[in-house]
Amino acid sequence: MANRASSQALANTLYRSLFSTNYLMLATVFTAGFAWEIGFNNVMDKVWDNNNRGRQWKDIRHKFLEGGDEDEE
């Protein structure tokens, strides 16, 4: 019983602090969506870079730019 009461108290606290009014709910949803987008993009960029290591311009740029410092006259 105590566990259920504490979880209900937590739910009431979350409701009152995040969802009790329309503007608070809207702000919570937008903030959570923005944070999710940033986190998801960072994780997917790491996965993409890991799967395509050695095939991207940032990995092979030094091969093409080594001799590019000289004038071509």
N, C-alpha and C. Protein backbone atom coordinates (compact mmCIF):
# COMPACT_ATOMS: atom_id res chain seq x y z
N MET A 1 0.81 -1.20 0.00
CA MET A 1 0.00 0.00 0.00
C MET A 1 0.85 1.26 0.00
N ALA A 2 1.95 1.24 0.74
CA ALA A 2 2.79 2.44 0.82
C ALA A 2 3.42 2.74 -0.53
N ASN A 3 3.76 1.70 -1.27
CA ASN A 3 4.37 1.89 -2.59
C ASN A 3 3.39 2.55 -3.55
N ARG A 4 2.14 2.12 -3.50
CA ARG A 4 1.11 2.70 -4.37
C ARG A 4 0.84 4.15 -3.99
N ALA A 5 0.84 4.44 -2.71
CA ALA A 5 0.59 5.81 -2.25
C ALA A 5 1.73 6.73 -2.68
N SER A 6 2.96 6.23 -2.60
CA SER A 6 4.08 7.08 -3.00
C SER A 6 4.10 7.30 -4.51
N SER A 7 3.72 6.29 -5.28
CA SER A 7 3.68 6.49 -6.73
C SER A 7 2.54 7.43 -7.12
N GLN A 8 1.44 7.37 -6.38
CA GLN A 8 0.34 8.29 -6.65
C GLN A 8 0.72 9.72 -6.25
N ALA A 9 1.47 9.87 -5.19
CA ALA A 9 1.94 11.19 -4.78
C ALA A 9 2.90 11.76 -5.83
N LEU A 10 3.75 10.90 -6.37
CA LEU A 10 4.66 11.34 -7.43
C LEU A 10 3.89 11.75 -8.67
N ALA A 11 2.87 10.98 -9.03
CA ALA A 11 2.05 11.32 -10.19
C ALA A 11 1.33 12.64 -9.98
N ASN A 12 0.81 12.87 -8.79
CA ASN A 12 0.14 14.14 -8.49
C ASN A 12 1.12 15.31 -8.57
N THR A 13 2.32 15.12 -8.06
CA THR A 13 3.33 16.18 -8.11
C THR A 13 3.70 16.49 -9.55
N LEU A 14 3.92 15.46 -10.36
CA LEU A 14 4.25 15.67 -11.77
C LEU A 14 3.10 16.37 -12.49
N TYR A 15 1.90 15.94 -12.22
CA TYR A 15 0.74 16.57 -12.86
C TYR A 15 0.65 18.05 -12.50
N ARG A 16 0.78 18.36 -11.22
CA ARG A 16 0.66 19.75 -10.78
C ARG A 16 1.79 20.61 -11.33
N SER A 17 2.99 20.05 -11.46
CA SER A 17 4.12 20.88 -11.89
C SER A 17 4.29 20.94 -13.40
N LEU A 18 3.79 19.95 -14.16
CA LEU A 18 4.04 19.92 -15.60
C LEU A 18 2.79 19.98 -16.47
N PHE A 19 1.66 19.49 -15.99
CA PHE A 19 0.50 19.35 -16.86
C PHE A 19 -0.78 20.00 -16.35
N SER A 20 -0.70 20.78 -15.29
CA SER A 20 -1.93 21.30 -14.69
C SER A 20 -2.60 22.37 -15.54
N THR A 21 -1.84 23.13 -16.28
CA THR A 21 -2.43 24.14 -17.16
C THR A 21 -1.97 23.90 -18.59
N ASN A 22 -2.70 24.48 -19.51
CA ASN A 22 -2.42 24.25 -20.92
C ASN A 22 -1.03 24.73 -21.31
N TYR A 23 -0.64 25.92 -20.87
CA TYR A 23 0.66 26.44 -21.27
C TYR A 23 1.81 25.63 -20.66
N LEU A 24 1.63 25.10 -19.45
CA LEU A 24 2.67 24.24 -18.87
C LEU A 24 2.79 22.93 -19.64
N MET A 25 1.67 22.35 -20.03
CA MET A 25 1.71 21.12 -20.81
C MET A 25 2.37 21.38 -22.16
N LEU A 26 2.02 22.47 -22.80
CA LEU A 26 2.59 22.81 -24.09
C LEU A 26 4.10 23.03 -23.97
N ALA A 27 4.52 23.74 -22.95
CA ALA A 27 5.95 23.97 -22.74
C ALA A 27 6.68 22.66 -22.45
N THR A 28 6.07 21.77 -21.68
CA THR A 28 6.68 20.48 -21.38
C THR A 28 6.83 19.64 -22.64
N VAL A 29 5.80 19.60 -23.46
CA VAL A 29 5.84 18.80 -24.69
C VAL A 29 6.89 19.35 -25.65
N PHE A 30 6.93 20.66 -25.84
CA PHE A 30 7.92 21.25 -26.75
C PHE A 30 9.34 21.06 -26.23
N THR A 31 9.55 21.22 -24.93
CA THR A 31 10.88 21.03 -24.36
C THR A 31 11.32 19.58 -24.48
N ALA A 32 10.43 18.65 -24.19
CA ALA A 32 10.77 17.23 -24.32
C ALA A 32 11.05 16.86 -25.77
N GLY A 33 10.26 17.39 -26.69
CA GLY A 33 10.49 17.11 -28.11
C GLY A 33 11.81 17.68 -28.59
N PHE A 34 12.15 18.88 -28.16
CA PHE A 34 13.41 19.50 -28.56
C PHE A 34 14.59 18.71 -28.00
N ALA A 35 14.52 18.31 -26.74
CA ALA A 35 15.59 17.53 -26.13
C ALA A 35 15.72 16.17 -26.81
N TRP A 36 14.60 15.53 -27.13
CA TRP A 36 14.62 14.24 -27.82
C TRP A 36 15.29 14.38 -29.18
N GLU A 37 14.95 15.44 -29.92
CA GLU A 37 15.52 15.64 -31.25
C GLU A 37 17.04 15.80 -31.18
N ILE A 38 17.52 16.59 -30.25
CA ILE A 38 18.96 16.80 -30.12
C ILE A 38 19.65 15.49 -29.75
N GLY A 39 19.12 14.77 -28.79
CA GLY A 39 19.72 13.50 -28.39
C GLY A 39 19.69 12.47 -29.50
N PHE A 40 18.58 12.34 -30.18
CA PHE A 40 18.45 11.36 -31.26
C PHE A 40 19.40 11.70 -32.40
N ASN A 41 19.49 12.98 -32.78
CA ASN A 41 20.40 13.37 -33.85
C ASN A 41 21.86 13.10 -33.49
N ASN A 42 22.24 13.36 -32.25
CA ASN A 42 23.62 13.08 -31.84
C ASN A 42 23.93 11.60 -31.89
N VAL A 43 23.01 10.77 -31.42
CA VAL A 43 23.23 9.32 -31.44
C VAL A 43 23.30 8.81 -32.87
N MET A 44 22.40 9.25 -33.72
CA MET A 44 22.39 8.78 -35.11
C MET A 44 23.62 9.26 -35.89
N ASP A 45 24.10 10.48 -35.58
CA ASP A 45 25.34 10.94 -36.21
C ASP A 45 26.52 10.05 -35.83
N LYS A 46 26.58 9.66 -34.56
CA LYS A 46 27.66 8.76 -34.12
C LYS A 46 27.55 7.40 -34.80
N VAL A 47 26.34 6.87 -34.92
CA VAL A 47 26.14 5.58 -35.59
C VAL A 47 26.54 5.69 -37.06
N TRP A 48 26.12 6.75 -37.73
CA TRP A 48 26.44 6.96 -39.15
C TRP A 48 27.96 7.08 -39.34
N ASP A 49 28.60 7.89 -38.51
CA ASP A 49 30.05 8.06 -38.62
C ASP A 49 30.79 6.76 -38.35
N ASN A 50 30.30 5.98 -37.41
CA ASN A 50 30.94 4.71 -37.10
C ASN A 50 30.79 3.72 -38.25
N ASN A 51 29.63 3.66 -38.87
CA ASN A 51 29.39 2.73 -39.97
C ASN A 51 30.09 3.15 -41.25
N ASN A 52 30.37 4.43 -41.43
CA ASN A 52 30.97 4.93 -42.67
C ASN A 52 32.37 5.48 -42.45
N ARG A 53 33.06 4.99 -41.45
CA ARG A 53 34.41 5.46 -41.15
C ARG A 53 35.34 5.16 -42.33
N GLY A 54 36.09 6.17 -42.75
CA GLY A 54 37.03 6.02 -43.85
C GLY A 54 36.44 6.32 -45.21
N ARG A 55 35.16 6.54 -45.31
CA ARG A 55 34.51 6.80 -46.59
C ARG A 55 33.92 8.20 -46.69
N GLN A 56 34.07 8.98 -45.66
CA GLN A 56 33.50 10.32 -45.67
C GLN A 56 34.59 11.35 -45.94
N TRP A 57 34.17 12.51 -46.43
CA TRP A 57 35.11 13.56 -46.79
C TRP A 57 35.98 13.95 -45.61
N LYS A 58 35.42 14.02 -44.42
CA LYS A 58 36.21 14.41 -43.26
C LYS A 58 37.31 13.40 -42.95
N ASP A 59 37.15 12.15 -43.41
CA ASP A 59 38.16 11.12 -43.17
C ASP A 59 39.23 11.08 -44.24
N ILE A 60 38.92 11.52 -45.46
CA ILE A 60 39.89 11.43 -46.56
C ILE A 60 40.37 12.79 -47.05
N ARG A 61 39.94 13.85 -46.43
CA ARG A 61 40.30 15.20 -46.86
C ARG A 61 41.81 15.40 -46.87
N HIS A 62 42.52 14.87 -45.88
CA HIS A 62 43.96 15.09 -45.79
C HIS A 62 44.71 14.49 -46.98
N LYS A 63 44.17 13.47 -47.62
CA LYS A 63 44.83 12.87 -48.79
C LYS A 63 44.82 13.82 -49.97
N PHE A 64 43.79 14.62 -50.11
CA PHE A 64 43.65 15.51 -51.25
C PHE A 64 44.21 16.90 -50.99
N LEU A 65 44.34 17.30 -49.76
CA LEU A 65 44.78 18.65 -49.45
C LEU A 65 46.26 18.74 -49.09
N GLU A 66 47.00 17.64 -49.11
CA GLU A 66 48.42 17.67 -48.74
C GLU A 66 49.24 18.52 -49.70
N GLY A 67 49.05 18.36 -51.01
CA GLY A 67 49.85 19.08 -51.98
C GLY A 67 49.18 20.34 -52.48
N GLY A 68 48.13 20.78 -51.89
CA GLY A 68 47.39 21.92 -52.39
C GLY A 68 47.90 23.27 -51.94
N ASP A 69 48.99 23.34 -51.21
CA ASP A 69 49.49 24.61 -50.69
C ASP A 69 50.35 25.37 -51.71
N GLU A 70 50.75 24.74 -52.80
CA GLU A 70 51.64 25.37 -53.77
C GLU A 70 50.84 26.15 -54.81
N ASP A 71 51.49 27.19 -55.39
CA ASP A 71 50.86 27.94 -56.48
C ASP A 71 51.00 27.17 -57.77
N GLU A 72 50.01 27.27 -58.65
CA GLU A 72 50.02 26.50 -59.89
C GLU A 72 50.39 27.37 -61.09
N GLU A 73 51.42 28.18 -61.02
CA GLU A 73 51.81 29.04 -62.14
C GLU A 73 52.81 28.39 -63.02
